[in-house]
Protein backbone atom coordinates (compact mmCIF):
# COMPACT_ATOMS: atom_id res chain seq x y z
CA MET A 1 -19.70 7.03 50.33
CA GLY A 2 -16.96 8.48 48.16
CA PRO A 3 -16.46 11.95 46.69
CA LEU A 4 -18.76 13.44 44.08
CA GLU A 5 -17.69 15.51 41.08
CA GLY A 6 -20.87 15.43 38.99
CA PHE A 7 -24.61 15.13 39.53
CA CYS A 8 -27.65 14.68 37.29
CA LEU A 9 -30.95 16.13 38.49
CA ALA A 10 -33.65 13.57 37.72
CA ALA A 11 -35.93 13.35 40.78
CA GLY A 12 -38.36 16.08 39.77
CA LEU A 13 -38.69 14.95 36.16
CA GLY A 14 -40.63 11.74 36.58
CA THR A 15 -44.17 12.88 35.81
CA ARG A 16 -43.51 15.90 33.59
CA MET A 17 -44.29 14.15 30.31
CA GLY A 18 -48.03 13.72 30.75
CA ALA A 19 -49.28 10.39 29.47
CA LEU A 20 -45.73 9.23 28.72
CA SER A 21 -45.13 8.89 32.46
CA GLN A 22 -47.53 5.94 32.48
CA ALA A 23 -44.97 4.02 30.42
CA LEU A 24 -41.63 5.33 31.73
CA PRO A 25 -40.29 8.12 33.93
CA LYS A 26 -38.86 10.88 31.74
CA PRO A 27 -35.15 10.11 32.43
CA ALA A 28 -35.69 6.53 31.20
CA TRP A 29 -36.77 7.44 27.66
CA THR A 30 -34.01 6.79 25.17
CA LEU A 31 -32.17 8.37 22.26
CA GLN A 32 -29.62 6.29 20.34
CA HIS A 33 -30.66 3.45 22.69
CA ARG A 34 -29.30 5.40 25.70
CA THR A 35 -31.56 6.80 28.40
CA LEU A 36 -31.71 10.56 28.88
CA LEU A 37 -30.11 9.99 32.28
CA GLN A 38 -27.26 8.01 30.70
CA TRP A 39 -26.73 10.88 28.25
CA GLY A 40 -26.09 13.04 31.31
CA PHE A 41 -23.66 10.57 32.86
CA ASP A 42 -21.79 10.20 29.56
CA LEU A 43 -21.61 13.96 29.20
CA LEU A 44 -20.03 14.28 32.64
CA ALA A 45 -17.57 11.48 31.86
CA ARG A 46 -16.42 13.26 28.71
CA GLN A 47 -15.64 16.30 30.86
CA ASP A 48 -13.20 14.28 33.01
CA CYS A 49 -15.75 13.69 35.76
CA ARG A 50 -14.90 10.45 37.58
CA TYR A 51 -17.53 10.22 40.33
CA TRP A 52 -21.17 11.04 39.67
CA ALA A 53 -24.66 10.32 40.96
CA ALA A 54 -28.28 11.28 40.31
CA ASN A 55 -31.39 11.75 42.40
CA THR A 56 -34.62 9.89 41.62
CA HIS A 57 -38.18 9.90 42.92
CA PHE A 58 -40.83 8.58 40.52
CA GLN A 59 -40.39 4.90 39.54
CA SER A 60 -36.88 4.80 40.98
CA ASP A 61 -36.80 1.02 40.62
CA ILE A 62 -36.98 1.31 36.82
CA LEU A 63 -34.17 3.85 36.74
CA LYS A 64 -31.99 1.75 39.05
CA THR A 65 -32.47 -1.32 36.86
CA LEU A 66 -31.38 0.67 33.81
CA HIS A 67 -28.32 2.25 35.48
CA LEU A 68 -26.74 -0.48 37.59
CA GLN A 69 -23.23 1.00 37.29
CA SER A 70 -24.19 4.46 38.59
CA GLU A 71 -25.18 5.74 42.01
CA LEU A 72 -28.85 6.74 42.23
CA ILE A 73 -30.12 8.49 45.35
CA HIS A 74 -33.84 7.95 45.96
CA GLU A 75 -35.83 10.88 47.35
CA PRO A 76 -38.97 9.52 49.07
CA ILE A 77 -40.08 13.16 49.33
CA LEU A 78 -39.05 15.54 46.58
CA MET A 79 -36.46 17.88 48.08
CA GLY A 80 -36.80 20.62 45.47
CA SER A 81 -34.38 22.37 43.14
CA ALA A 82 -32.05 23.27 46.05
CA GLY A 83 -32.95 20.89 48.87
CA TRP A 84 -31.36 17.89 47.14
CA PHE A 85 -27.90 19.46 47.56
CA ALA A 86 -27.83 19.41 51.37
CA SER A 87 -27.30 15.65 51.58
CA VAL A 88 -24.52 15.46 48.97
CA ALA A 89 -22.60 18.66 49.75
CA PRO A 90 -20.32 16.94 52.34
CA ARG A 91 -19.03 14.73 49.49
CA VAL A 92 -18.08 17.70 47.28
CA GLN A 93 -14.52 18.98 47.64
CA GLU A 94 -14.44 22.20 45.59
CA ALA A 95 -17.37 22.30 43.21
CA LEU A 96 -20.02 20.01 41.74
CA MET A 97 -20.87 19.84 38.03
CA VAL A 98 -24.68 19.62 37.78
CA TRP A 99 -26.75 18.68 34.73
CA ASN A 100 -30.53 18.59 34.24
CA ALA A 101 -31.39 15.10 33.02
CA ASP A 102 -34.16 16.23 30.68
CA ALA A 103 -31.70 17.58 28.11
CA VAL A 104 -29.28 16.07 25.62
CA ALA A 105 -26.02 17.42 24.21
CA HIS A 106 -22.82 15.91 22.86
CA ASP A 107 -20.50 18.35 24.58
CA VAL A 108 -20.97 21.02 27.23
CA PRO A 109 -17.98 23.12 28.39
CA PHE A 110 -18.11 21.95 32.00
CA ARG A 111 -14.34 22.11 32.51
CA GLU A 112 -14.23 25.76 31.46
CA LEU A 113 -17.40 26.53 33.44
CA ARG A 114 -15.91 24.98 36.57
CA ALA A 115 -12.63 26.90 36.17
CA ASN A 116 -14.53 30.16 35.70
CA HIS A 117 -16.67 29.40 38.74
CA LEU A 118 -13.70 28.70 40.99
CA ALA A 119 -11.84 31.80 39.79
CA SER A 120 -14.86 34.01 40.48
CA GLY A 121 -15.43 32.80 44.04
CA ALA A 122 -19.14 32.31 43.27
CA ASP A 123 -21.41 29.91 45.14
CA LEU A 124 -23.43 29.04 42.03
CA THR A 125 -22.70 29.56 38.33
CA TRP A 126 -25.15 28.89 35.50
CA LEU A 127 -24.11 28.17 31.92
CA LEU A 128 -25.94 30.57 29.58
CA VAL A 129 -26.20 30.88 25.80
CA PRO A 130 -27.82 33.61 23.70
CA HIS A 131 -31.58 33.15 23.86
CA PRO A 132 -32.72 31.10 20.82
CA GLY A 133 -36.24 32.52 20.77
CA GLY A 134 -39.29 30.45 21.53
CA PRO A 135 -41.08 29.74 24.82
CA TRP A 136 -38.13 29.57 27.21
CA THR A 137 -37.98 32.15 29.99
CA PRO A 138 -35.24 34.70 29.23
CA VAL A 139 -32.39 35.15 31.71
CA TRP A 140 -30.79 38.57 32.22
CA ILE A 141 -27.55 39.43 34.01
CA ASP A 142 -26.05 42.67 35.33
CA GLU A 143 -22.60 44.09 34.62
CA HIS A 144 -21.14 41.77 37.28
CA HIS A 145 -22.73 38.69 35.63
CA ARG A 146 -25.18 38.32 38.52
CA ILE A 147 -28.51 36.75 37.57
CA LEU A 148 -31.27 39.37 37.73
CA PRO A 149 -34.72 38.72 39.23
CA THR A 150 -37.45 37.56 36.86
CA GLY A 151 -38.89 40.50 34.96
CA GLN A 152 -35.85 42.74 35.44
CA ALA A 153 -33.94 43.35 32.21
CA GLY A 154 -30.20 43.85 31.87
CA ARG A 155 -27.61 42.19 29.65
CA GLY A 156 -29.21 39.52 27.53
CA PRO A 157 -31.54 37.86 26.94
CA TYR A 158 -29.85 34.52 27.59
CA HIS A 159 -31.01 30.97 28.03
CA PHE A 160 -30.06 28.53 30.80
CA VAL A 161 -29.19 25.17 29.22
CA GLY A 162 -29.26 23.02 32.36
CA ALA A 163 -25.56 23.04 33.29
CA SER A 164 -24.35 24.65 36.50
CA ILE A 165 -21.62 24.53 39.14
CA TRP A 166 -22.44 24.36 42.86
CA SER A 167 -20.02 25.07 45.71
CA PRO A 168 -20.38 23.11 48.99
CA ARG A 169 -21.06 26.27 51.03
CA ILE A 170 -24.51 26.54 49.43
CA ALA A 171 -25.62 23.84 51.86
CA GLN A 172 -25.16 26.28 54.74
CA VAL A 173 -28.27 28.23 53.72
CA ILE A 174 -30.49 25.25 52.82
CA PRO A 175 -33.06 24.51 55.56
CA ASP A 176 -33.78 20.96 56.66
CA ALA A 177 -36.84 20.74 54.41
CA PRO A 178 -37.76 20.66 50.73
CA THR A 179 -36.37 23.88 49.26
CA GLN A 180 -36.56 25.59 45.89
CA LEU A 181 -33.51 27.44 44.61
CA GLY A 182 -35.47 30.67 44.38
CA GLN A 183 -36.01 30.60 48.15
CA ILE A 184 -32.28 30.87 48.89
CA LEU A 185 -30.89 32.59 45.80
CA HIS A 186 -30.69 35.98 47.52
CA HIS A 187 -28.27 34.45 50.06
CA LEU A 188 -25.85 33.27 47.36
CA HIS A 189 -23.10 34.78 45.25
CA HIS A 190 -24.57 33.59 41.96
CA ARG A 191 -23.66 34.43 38.39
CA GLY A 192 -24.11 33.44 34.77
CA TRP A 193 -21.29 32.54 32.38
CA VAL A 194 -22.15 33.12 28.73
CA VAL A 195 -20.82 30.93 25.90
CA PRO A 196 -21.70 30.68 22.19
CA ALA A 197 -24.71 28.52 21.39
CA PHE A 198 -24.08 24.80 20.94
CA GLU A 199 -26.19 21.83 19.84
CA TRP A 200 -28.60 21.00 22.62
CA SER A 201 -32.19 19.81 23.07
CA GLU A 202 -34.55 19.94 26.03
CA ILE A 203 -37.15 17.17 26.29
CA GLY A 204 -39.91 19.13 27.96
CA ARG A 205 -43.02 17.68 26.34
CA PRO A 206 -44.04 14.62 24.30
CA GLN A 207 -43.61 16.32 20.92
CA ALA A 208 -40.10 17.38 21.95
CA LEU A 209 -39.22 13.69 22.29
CA VAL A 210 -40.33 13.08 18.69
CA GLU A 211 -38.33 16.11 17.53
CA ALA A 212 -35.27 15.00 19.49
CA ALA A 213 -35.47 11.50 18.01
CA ARG A 214 -35.48 12.95 14.51
CA ARG A 215 -32.56 15.25 15.33
CA TRP A 216 -30.37 13.05 17.53
CA ALA A 217 -31.32 9.48 16.61
CA PRO A 218 -32.51 9.37 12.97
CA GLN A 219 -31.26 5.79 12.58
CA HIS A 220 -32.70 4.62 15.88
CA GLU A 221 -35.73 6.05 17.73
CA GLY A 222 -36.33 8.58 14.93
CA ARG A 223 -36.16 6.14 12.03
CA PHE A 224 -39.94 5.90 11.50
CA LEU A 225 -40.97 9.18 9.82
CA SER A 226 -42.37 11.69 12.34
CA ASN A 227 -42.64 9.25 15.23
CA TYR A 228 -40.61 8.10 18.22
CA VAL A 229 -39.90 4.36 18.38
CA HIS A 230 -38.48 2.85 21.58
CA PRO A 231 -35.78 0.18 21.02
CA THR A 232 -38.18 -2.52 22.26
CA ALA A 233 -41.14 -1.44 20.09
CA THR A 234 -42.30 -3.15 16.89
CA VAL A 235 -44.04 -0.84 14.43
CA LYS A 236 -45.47 -1.57 10.95
CA GLY A 237 -48.18 0.74 9.65
CA ASP A 238 -49.11 4.31 8.81
CA PHE A 239 -48.38 6.51 11.81
CA ARG A 240 -47.65 10.19 12.36
CA ASP A 241 -46.70 12.10 15.51
CA CYS A 242 -46.95 8.94 17.60
CA ILE A 243 -44.75 7.73 20.43
CA PHE A 244 -44.14 4.00 20.69
CA GLY A 245 -42.89 3.17 24.16
CA PRO A 246 -41.45 -0.02 25.64
CA GLY A 247 -42.97 -3.14 24.13
CA ALA A 248 -45.33 -1.24 21.85
CA ALA A 249 -46.69 -3.41 19.03
CA PRO A 250 -49.76 -1.91 17.34
CA PRO A 251 -51.56 -4.13 14.82
CA SER A 252 -49.62 -4.52 11.58
CA GLY A 253 -50.88 -2.12 8.92
CA HIS A 254 -52.68 0.03 11.50
CA GLN A 255 -53.13 3.79 10.98
CA ASP A 256 -52.90 6.29 13.82
CA ARG A 257 -52.06 9.90 14.67
CA GLN A 258 -50.86 11.63 17.84
CA ALA A 259 -51.00 8.65 20.17
CA LEU A 260 -48.87 6.88 22.74
CA TRP A 261 -48.55 3.11 22.53
CA PHE A 262 -46.82 0.86 25.05
CA LYS A 263 -47.07 -2.61 26.56
CA ASP A 264 -48.49 -2.99 30.06
CA HIS A 265 -48.06 -6.58 31.23
CA ASP A 266 -49.80 -8.59 28.47
CA ARG A 267 -51.86 -5.85 26.86
CA GLN A 268 -51.21 -3.02 24.45
CA VAL A 269 -52.16 0.42 25.74
CA ARG A 270 -53.08 3.34 23.48
CA ILE A 271 -53.53 6.90 24.81
CA ASN A 272 -54.31 10.06 22.86
CA LEU A 273 -51.59 12.70 22.99
């Protein structure tokens, strides 16, 4: 296999959307007719990344069918937020641009983040923005930009937007087993790099998909009032806060609220959200 310059983390996202996972794994849901995973690949490409890949776990066959031109690495066993890196580190020359595939953005300053990372000599650098408020866990850093342990305040609060840079030497402290980043973080020279806030959305729950469709795809998936409409869905009726997945076709003129619709073989499935 060839070198890697970018990577999208998708393996652990498959079942994190509740009922929606019965229709599609999270990275396969679309905005502007592009999957969330493809948004990540396109983002890397705009930052001069030439060689990228992603890891998958849940319904990998669906993701592979939708991304035939990209390398997808199936994890039969989830390797965790750090364990995935051990197998790809030998293909990384200086540093790997990493993006969480449950977020969307038009532009992320990966080039600048990578340059800052290499100049600092860090093993791991997270991209941070001022905390926007809301439910996200705040991130704090010390005077040396080192990420502080959860619950310890310092400079901040900041928010991690899902972009990071990983150096190959991180693999030296990853055991041959599923590993979470928190298990090895104390072994690493890690830091946060703070930039001004930019337009970005995280798709962490079903309602966030509806909100993202309205914000990012008002002429596509968000075109039907306060609902999400997959490109293959057909919707005519009075609906609110509904998600229409692949092949959804509720009865014409139907009324519904807070439901998921999708096609499963030859039948229409409806699930309360």
